[in-house]
Amino acid sequence: MTDINWTEVLTAYDESQAEVIKIALAEEGIPCTIENAHQGGFTGVFQARVLVPEDFVNAAKKLLDAHQQK
């Protein structure tokens, strides 16, 4: 079994935003996890880091860039 090197592709200040991004990435077959999630009541204070395996960074950034342009 190999270790996964998780890499940050986005920092969200809203857990809901991070979850939407996670779902969008998953729909494209890009594995994703959120670090520092579940900081209930602290929206805008704590950062939720959206992480993908190193091999998926380019695909994830491309997808995120496409969504930001809309």
PDB file of N, CA and C in Angstrom:
ATOM      1  N   MET A   1       0.846  -1.180   0.000  1.00  0.00           N
ATOM      2  CA  MET A   1       0.000   0.000   0.000  1.00  0.00           C
ATOM      3  C   MET A   1       0.892   1.244   0.000  1.00  0.00           C
ATOM      4  N   THR A   2       0.554   2.212  -0.839  1.00  0.00           N
ATOM      5  CA  THR A   2       1.354   3.435  -0.911  1.00  0.00           C
ATOM      6  C   THR A   2       0.684   4.545  -0.128  1.00  0.00           C
ATOM      7  N   ASP A   3       1.503   5.425   0.402  1.00  0.00           N
ATOM      8  CA  ASP A   3       0.990   6.589   1.108  1.00  0.00           C
ATOM      9  C   ASP A   3       0.554   7.635   0.094  1.00  0.00           C
ATOM     10  N   ILE A   4      -0.494   8.340   0.417  1.00  0.00           N
ATOM     11  CA  ILE A   4      -0.990   9.406  -0.457  1.00  0.00           C
ATOM     12  C   ILE A   4      -0.390  10.720   0.017  1.00  0.00           C
ATOM     13  N   ASN A   5       0.177  11.466  -0.921  1.00  0.00           N
ATOM     14  CA  ASN A   5       0.685  12.809  -0.625  1.00  0.00           C
ATOM     15  C   ASN A   5      -0.423  13.802  -0.946  1.00  0.00           C
ATOM     16  N   TRP A   6      -1.115  14.259   0.085  1.00  0.00           N
ATOM     17  CA  TRP A   6      -2.206  15.211  -0.087  1.00  0.00           C
ATOM     18  C   TRP A   6      -1.633  16.613  -0.274  1.00  0.00           C
ATOM     19  N   THR A   7      -2.208  17.346  -1.222  1.00  0.00           N
ATOM     20  CA  THR A   7      -1.737  18.687  -1.551  1.00  0.00           C
ATOM     21  C   THR A   7      -2.917  19.646  -1.528  1.00  0.00           C
ATOM     22  N   GLU A   8      -2.718  20.810  -0.936  1.00  0.00           N
ATOM     23  CA  GLU A   8      -3.774  21.818  -0.863  1.00  0.00           C
ATOM     24  C   GLU A   8      -3.994  22.462  -2.228  1.00  0.00           C
ATOM     25  N   VAL A   9      -5.262  22.549  -2.634  1.00  0.00           N
ATOM     26  CA  VAL A   9      -5.599  23.233  -3.881  1.00  0.00           C
ATOM     27  C   VAL A   9      -6.449  24.467  -3.625  1.00  0.00           C
ATOM     28  N   LEU A  10      -6.967  24.601  -2.409  1.00  0.00           N
ATOM     29  CA  LEU A  10      -7.811  25.747  -2.093  1.00  0.00           C
ATOM     30  C   LEU A  10      -7.954  25.867  -0.583  1.00  0.00           C
ATOM     31  N   THR A  11      -8.053  27.094  -0.114  1.00  0.00           N
ATOM     32  CA  THR A  11      -8.400  27.348   1.278  1.00  0.00           C
ATOM     33  C   THR A  11      -9.749  28.038   1.287  1.00  0.00           C
ATOM     34  N   ALA A  12     -10.694  27.467   2.005  1.00  0.00           N
ATOM     35  CA  ALA A  12     -12.029  28.046   2.108  1.00  0.00           C
ATOM     36  C   ALA A  12     -12.236  28.535   3.538  1.00  0.00           C
ATOM     37  N   TYR A  13     -12.965  29.624   3.673  1.00  0.00           N
ATOM     38  CA  TYR A  13     -13.277  30.149   5.003  1.00  0.00           C
ATOM     39  C   TYR A  13     -14.709  29.823   5.400  1.00  0.00           C
ATOM     40  N   ASP A  14     -15.338  28.969   4.600  1.00  0.00           N
ATOM     41  CA  ASP A  14     -16.711  28.561   4.833  1.00  0.00           C
ATOM     42  C   ASP A  14     -16.780  27.059   4.578  1.00  0.00           C
ATOM     43  N   GLU A  15     -17.166  26.307   5.581  1.00  0.00           N
ATOM     44  CA  GLU A  15     -17.209  24.851   5.455  1.00  0.00           C
ATOM     45  C   GLU A  15     -18.174  24.407   4.360  1.00  0.00           C
ATOM     46  N   SER A  16     -19.272  25.129   4.182  1.00  0.00           N
ATOM     47  CA  SER A  16     -20.236  24.790   3.131  1.00  0.00           C
ATOM     48  C   SER A  16     -19.595  24.902   1.759  1.00  0.00           C
ATOM     49  N   GLN A  17     -18.823  25.957   1.548  1.00  0.00           N
ATOM     50  CA  GLN A  17     -18.121  26.139   0.273  1.00  0.00           C
ATOM     51  C   GLN A  17     -17.154  24.977   0.046  1.00  0.00           C
ATOM     52  N   ALA A  18     -16.421  24.604   1.064  1.00  0.00           N
ATOM     53  CA  ALA A  18     -15.466  23.505   0.949  1.00  0.00           C
ATOM     54  C   ALA A  18     -16.177  22.200   0.599  1.00  0.00           C
ATOM     55  N   GLU A  19     -17.338  21.959   1.182  1.00  0.00           N
ATOM     56  CA  GLU A  19     -18.098  20.732   0.896  1.00  0.00           C
ATOM     57  C   GLU A  19     -18.600  20.720  -0.548  1.00  0.00           C
ATOM     58  N   VAL A  20     -19.052  21.872  -1.048  1.00  0.00           N
ATOM     59  CA  VAL A  20     -19.512  21.961  -2.441  1.00  0.00           C
ATOM     60  C   VAL A  20     -18.351  21.658  -3.383  1.00  0.00           C
ATOM     61  N   ILE A  21     -17.191  22.193  -3.071  1.00  0.00           N
ATOM     62  CA  ILE A  21     -16.007  21.947  -3.893  1.00  0.00           C
ATOM     63  C   ILE A  21     -15.629  20.472  -3.851  1.00  0.00           C
ATOM     64  N   LYS A  22     -15.704  19.875  -2.676  1.00  0.00           N
ATOM     65  CA  LYS A  22     -15.389  18.451  -2.537  1.00  0.00           C
ATOM     66  C   LYS A  22     -16.310  17.610  -3.410  1.00  0.00           C
ATOM     67  N   ILE A  23     -17.596  17.943  -3.426  1.00  0.00           N
ATOM     68  CA  ILE A  23     -18.561  17.208  -4.245  1.00  0.00           C
ATOM     69  C   ILE A  23     -18.257  17.387  -5.730  1.00  0.00           C
ATOM     70  N   ALA A  24     -17.961  18.623  -6.136  1.00  0.00           N
ATOM     71  CA  ALA A  24     -17.639  18.891  -7.545  1.00  0.00           C
ATOM     72  C   ALA A  24     -16.408  18.105  -7.985  1.00  0.00           C
ATOM     73  N   LEU A  25     -15.393  18.059  -7.132  1.00  0.00           N
ATOM     74  CA  LEU A  25     -14.185  17.295  -7.459  1.00  0.00           C
ATOM     75  C   LEU A  25     -14.505  15.805  -7.555  1.00  0.00           C
ATOM     76  N   ALA A  26     -15.284  15.300  -6.616  1.00  0.00           N
ATOM     77  CA  ALA A  26     -15.651  13.870  -6.613  1.00  0.00           C
ATOM     78  C   ALA A  26     -16.427  13.497  -7.877  1.00  0.00           C
ATOM     79  N   GLU A  27     -17.296  14.399  -8.333  1.00  0.00           N
ATOM     80  CA  GLU A  27     -18.066  14.137  -9.551  1.00  0.00           C
ATOM     81  C   GLU A  27     -17.155  14.003 -10.778  1.00  0.00           C
ATOM     82  N   GLU A  28     -15.981  14.591 -10.703  1.00  0.00           N
ATOM     83  CA  GLU A  28     -15.007  14.495 -11.796  1.00  0.00           C
ATOM     84  C   GLU A  28     -14.001  13.370 -11.559  1.00  0.00           C
ATOM     85  N   GLY A  29     -14.223  12.584 -10.501  1.00  0.00           N
ATOM     86  CA  GLY A  29     -13.334  11.463 -10.199  1.00  0.00           C
ATOM     87  C   GLY A  29     -12.053  11.864  -9.493  1.00  0.00           C
ATOM     88  N   ILE A  30     -12.061  13.052  -8.891  1.00  0.00           N
ATOM     89  CA  ILE A  30     -10.875  13.551  -8.188  1.00  0.00           C
ATOM     90  C   ILE A  30     -11.077  13.340  -6.681  1.00  0.00           C
ATOM     91  N   PRO A  31     -10.267  12.481  -6.067  1.00  0.00           N
ATOM     92  CA  PRO A  31     -10.383  12.270  -4.617  1.00  0.00           C
ATOM     93  C   PRO A  31     -10.092  13.577  -3.876  1.00  0.00           C
ATOM     94  N   CYS A  32     -10.761  13.781  -2.767  1.00  0.00           N
ATOM     95  CA  CYS A  32     -10.614  15.038  -2.032  1.00  0.00           C
ATOM     96  C   CYS A  32     -10.892  14.804  -0.559  1.00  0.00           C
ATOM     97  N   THR A  33     -10.226  15.577   0.263  1.00  0.00           N
ATOM     98  CA  THR A  33     -10.516  15.581   1.688  1.00  0.00           C
ATOM     99  C   THR A  33     -10.448  17.030   2.154  1.00  0.00           C
ATOM    100  N   ILE A  34     -11.083  17.294   3.259  1.00  0.00           N
ATOM    101  CA  ILE A  34     -11.076  18.648   3.816  1.00  0.00           C
ATOM    102  C   ILE A  34     -10.429  18.587   5.183  1.00  0.00           C
ATOM    103  N   GLU A  35      -9.423  19.401   5.362  1.00  0.00           N
ATOM    104  CA  GLU A  35      -8.719  19.479   6.641  1.00  0.00           C
ATOM    105  C   GLU A  35      -9.257  20.674   7.413  1.00  0.00           C
ATOM    106  N   ASN A  36      -9.434  20.528   8.694  1.00  0.00           N
ATOM    107  CA  ASN A  36      -9.938  21.567   9.591  1.00  0.00           C
ATOM    108  C   ASN A  36     -11.427  21.820   9.406  1.00  0.00           C
ATOM    109  N   ALA A  37     -12.143  20.842   8.858  1.00  0.00           N
ATOM    110  CA  ALA A  37     -13.597  20.984   8.714  1.00  0.00           C
ATOM    111  C   ALA A  37     -14.253  20.823  10.082  1.00  0.00           C
ATOM    112  N   HIS A  38     -15.513  21.070  10.133  1.00  0.00           N
ATOM    113  CA  HIS A  38     -16.326  20.914  11.340  1.00  0.00           C
ATOM    114  C   HIS A  38     -15.899  21.872  12.458  1.00  0.00           C
ATOM    115  N   GLN A  39     -15.670  23.111  12.071  1.00  0.00           N
ATOM    116  CA  GLN A  39     -15.364  24.144  13.056  1.00  0.00           C
ATOM    117  C   GLN A  39     -16.656  24.909  13.354  1.00  0.00           C
ATOM    118  N   GLY A  40     -17.738  24.170  13.519  1.00  0.00           N
ATOM    119  CA  GLY A  40     -19.078  24.736  13.685  1.00  0.00           C
ATOM    120  C   GLY A  40     -19.110  26.034  14.452  1.00  0.00           C
ATOM    121  N   GLY A  41     -19.811  27.012  13.881  1.00  0.00           N
ATOM    122  CA  GLY A  41     -19.950  28.305  14.538  1.00  0.00           C
ATOM    123  C   GLY A  41     -18.797  29.245  14.293  1.00  0.00           C
ATOM    124  N   PHE A  42     -17.795  28.824  13.564  1.00  0.00           N
ATOM    125  CA  PHE A  42     -16.623  29.663  13.341  1.00  0.00           C
ATOM    126  C   PHE A  42     -16.424  30.001  11.870  1.00  0.00           C
ATOM    127  N   THR A  43     -17.509  30.042  11.078  1.00  0.00           N
ATOM    128  CA  THR A  43     -17.408  30.376   9.665  1.00  0.00           C
ATOM    129  C   THR A  43     -16.706  31.721   9.522  1.00  0.00           C
ATOM    130  N   GLY A  44     -15.720  31.760   8.645  1.00  0.00           N
ATOM    131  CA  GLY A  44     -14.971  32.984   8.410  1.00  0.00           C
ATOM    132  C   GLY A  44     -13.781  33.162   9.340  1.00  0.00           C
ATOM    133  N   VAL A  45     -13.680  32.320  10.357  1.00  0.00           N
ATOM    134  CA  VAL A  45     -12.579  32.442  11.313  1.00  0.00           C
ATOM    135  C   VAL A  45     -11.519  31.382  11.010  1.00  0.00           C
ATOM    136  N   PHE A  46     -11.942  30.140  10.934  1.00  0.00           N
ATOM    137  CA  PHE A  46     -11.011  29.055  10.665  1.00  0.00           C
ATOM    138  C   PHE A  46     -10.972  28.739   9.178  1.00  0.00           C
ATOM    139  N   GLN A  47      -9.883  28.184   8.744  1.00  0.00           N
ATOM    140  CA  GLN A  47      -9.714  27.827   7.349  1.00  0.00           C
ATOM    141  C   GLN A  47      -9.946  26.341   7.166  1.00  0.00           C
ATOM    142  N   ALA A  48     -10.693  25.995   6.117  1.00  0.00           N
ATOM    143  CA  ALA A  48     -10.862  24.602   5.721  1.00  0.00           C
ATOM    144  C   ALA A  48      -9.996  24.408   4.482  1.00  0.00           C
ATOM    145  N   ARG A  49      -9.002  23.556   4.595  1.00  0.00           N
ATOM    146  CA  ARG A  49      -8.078  23.312   3.474  1.00  0.00           C
ATOM    147  C   ARG A  49      -8.608  22.165   2.625  1.00  0.00           C
ATOM    148  N   VAL A  50      -8.790  22.437   1.332  1.00  0.00           N
ATOM    149  CA  VAL A  50      -9.247  21.415   0.394  1.00  0.00           C
ATOM    150  C   VAL A  50      -8.000  20.744  -0.171  1.00  0.00           C
ATOM    151  N   LEU A  51      -7.895  19.426   0.058  1.00  0.00           N
ATOM    152  CA  LEU A  51      -6.703  18.672  -0.324  1.00  0.00           C
ATOM    153  C   LEU A  51      -7.055  17.575  -1.321  1.00  0.00           C
ATOM    154  N   VAL A  52      -6.158  17.377  -2.289  1.00  0.00           N
ATOM    155  CA  VAL A  52      -6.295  16.277  -3.256  1.00  0.00           C
ATOM    156  C   VAL A  52      -4.958  15.552  -3.324  1.00  0.00           C
ATOM    157  N   PRO A  53      -4.962  14.291  -3.766  1.00  0.00           N
ATOM    158  CA  PRO A  53      -3.691  13.595  -3.950  1.00  0.00           C
ATOM    159  C   PRO A  53      -2.824  14.347  -4.966  1.00  0.00           C
ATOM    160  N   GLU A  54      -1.530  14.321  -4.738  1.00  0.00           N
ATOM    161  CA  GLU A  54      -0.575  15.049  -5.572  1.00  0.00           C
ATOM    162  C   GLU A  54      -0.788  14.806  -7.073  1.00  0.00           C
ATOM    163  N   ASP A  55      -1.123  13.581  -7.448  1.00  0.00           N
ATOM    164  CA  ASP A  55      -1.318  13.232  -8.856  1.00  0.00           C
ATOM    165  C   ASP A  55      -2.532  13.920  -9.481  1.00  0.00           C
ATOM    166  N   PHE A  56      -3.429  14.462  -8.661  1.00  0.00           N
ATOM    167  CA  PHE A  56      -4.661  15.081  -9.157  1.00  0.00           C
ATOM    168  C   PHE A  56      -4.645  16.609  -9.063  1.00  0.00           C
ATOM    169  N   VAL A  57      -3.545  17.193  -8.628  1.00  0.00           N
ATOM    170  CA  VAL A  57      -3.484  18.639  -8.413  1.00  0.00           C
ATOM    171  C   VAL A  57      -3.816  19.422  -9.680  1.00  0.00           C
ATOM    172  N   ASN A  58      -3.198  19.087 -10.798  1.00  0.00           N
ATOM    173  CA  ASN A  58      -3.440  19.844 -12.038  1.00  0.00           C
ATOM    174  C   ASN A  58      -4.895  19.759 -12.465  1.00  0.00           C
ATOM    175  N   ALA A  59      -5.480  18.571 -12.420  1.00  0.00           N
ATOM    176  CA  ALA A  59      -6.881  18.402 -12.806  1.00  0.00           C
ATOM    177  C   ALA A  59      -7.798  19.181 -11.865  1.00  0.00           C
ATOM    178  N   ALA A  60      -7.504  19.153 -10.576  1.00  0.00           N
ATOM    179  CA  ALA A  60      -8.322  19.868  -9.595  1.00  0.00           C
ATOM    180  C   ALA A  60      -8.238  21.373  -9.814  1.00  0.00           C
ATOM    181  N   LYS A  61      -7.043  21.884 -10.021  1.00  0.00           N
ATOM    182  CA  LYS A  61      -6.882  23.332 -10.241  1.00  0.00           C
ATOM    183  C   LYS A  61      -7.577  23.772 -11.523  1.00  0.00           C
ATOM    184  N   LYS A  62      -7.511  22.946 -12.546  1.00  0.00           N
ATOM    185  CA  LYS A  62      -8.171  23.256 -13.810  1.00  0.00           C
ATOM    186  C   LYS A  62      -9.688  23.348 -13.593  1.00  0.00           C
ATOM    187  N   LEU A  63     -10.249  22.398 -12.855  1.00  0.00           N
ATOM    188  CA  LEU A  63     -11.678  22.405 -12.560  1.00  0.00           C
ATOM    189  C   LEU A  63     -12.053  23.627 -11.725  1.00  0.00           C
ATOM    190  N   LEU A  64     -11.261  23.928 -10.705  1.00  0.00           N
ATOM    191  CA  LEU A  64     -11.548  25.079  -9.853  1.00  0.00           C
ATOM    192  C   LEU A  64     -11.457  26.386 -10.632  1.00  0.00           C
ATOM    193  N   ASP A  65     -10.466  26.506 -11.499  1.00  0.00           N
ATOM    194  CA  ASP A  65     -10.320  27.702 -12.337  1.00  0.00           C
ATOM    195  C   ASP A  65     -11.537  27.878 -13.241  1.00  0.00           C
ATOM    196  N   ALA A  66     -12.011  26.784 -13.824  1.00  0.00           N
ATOM    197  CA  ALA A  66     -13.174  26.838 -14.715  1.00  0.00           C
ATOM    198  C   ALA A  66     -14.414  27.307 -13.958  1.00  0.00           C
ATOM    199  N   HIS A  67     -14.589  26.874 -12.721  1.00  0.00           N
ATOM    200  CA  HIS A  67     -15.742  27.270 -11.928  1.00  0.00           C
ATOM    201  C   HIS A  67     -15.650  28.730 -11.465  1.00  0.00           C
ATOM    202  N   GLN A  68     -14.455  29.219 -11.231  1.00  0.00           N
ATOM    203  CA  GLN A  68     -14.286  30.607 -10.788  1.00  0.00           C
ATOM    204  C   GLN A  68     -14.572  31.592 -11.914  1.00  0.00           C
ATOM    205  N   GLN A  69     -14.404  31.160 -13.158  1.00  0.00           N
ATOM    206  CA  GLN A  69     -14.632  32.030 -14.293  1.00  0.00           C
ATOM    207  C   GLN A  69     -16.109  32.200 -14.615  1.00  0.00           C
ATOM    208  N   LYS A  70     -16.971  31.368 -14.046  1.00  0.00           N
ATOM    209  CA  LYS A  70     -18.411  31.443 -14.337  1.00  0.00           C
ATOM    210  C   LYS A  70     -19.057  32.587 -13.623  1.00  0.00           C
TER     211      LYS A  70
END
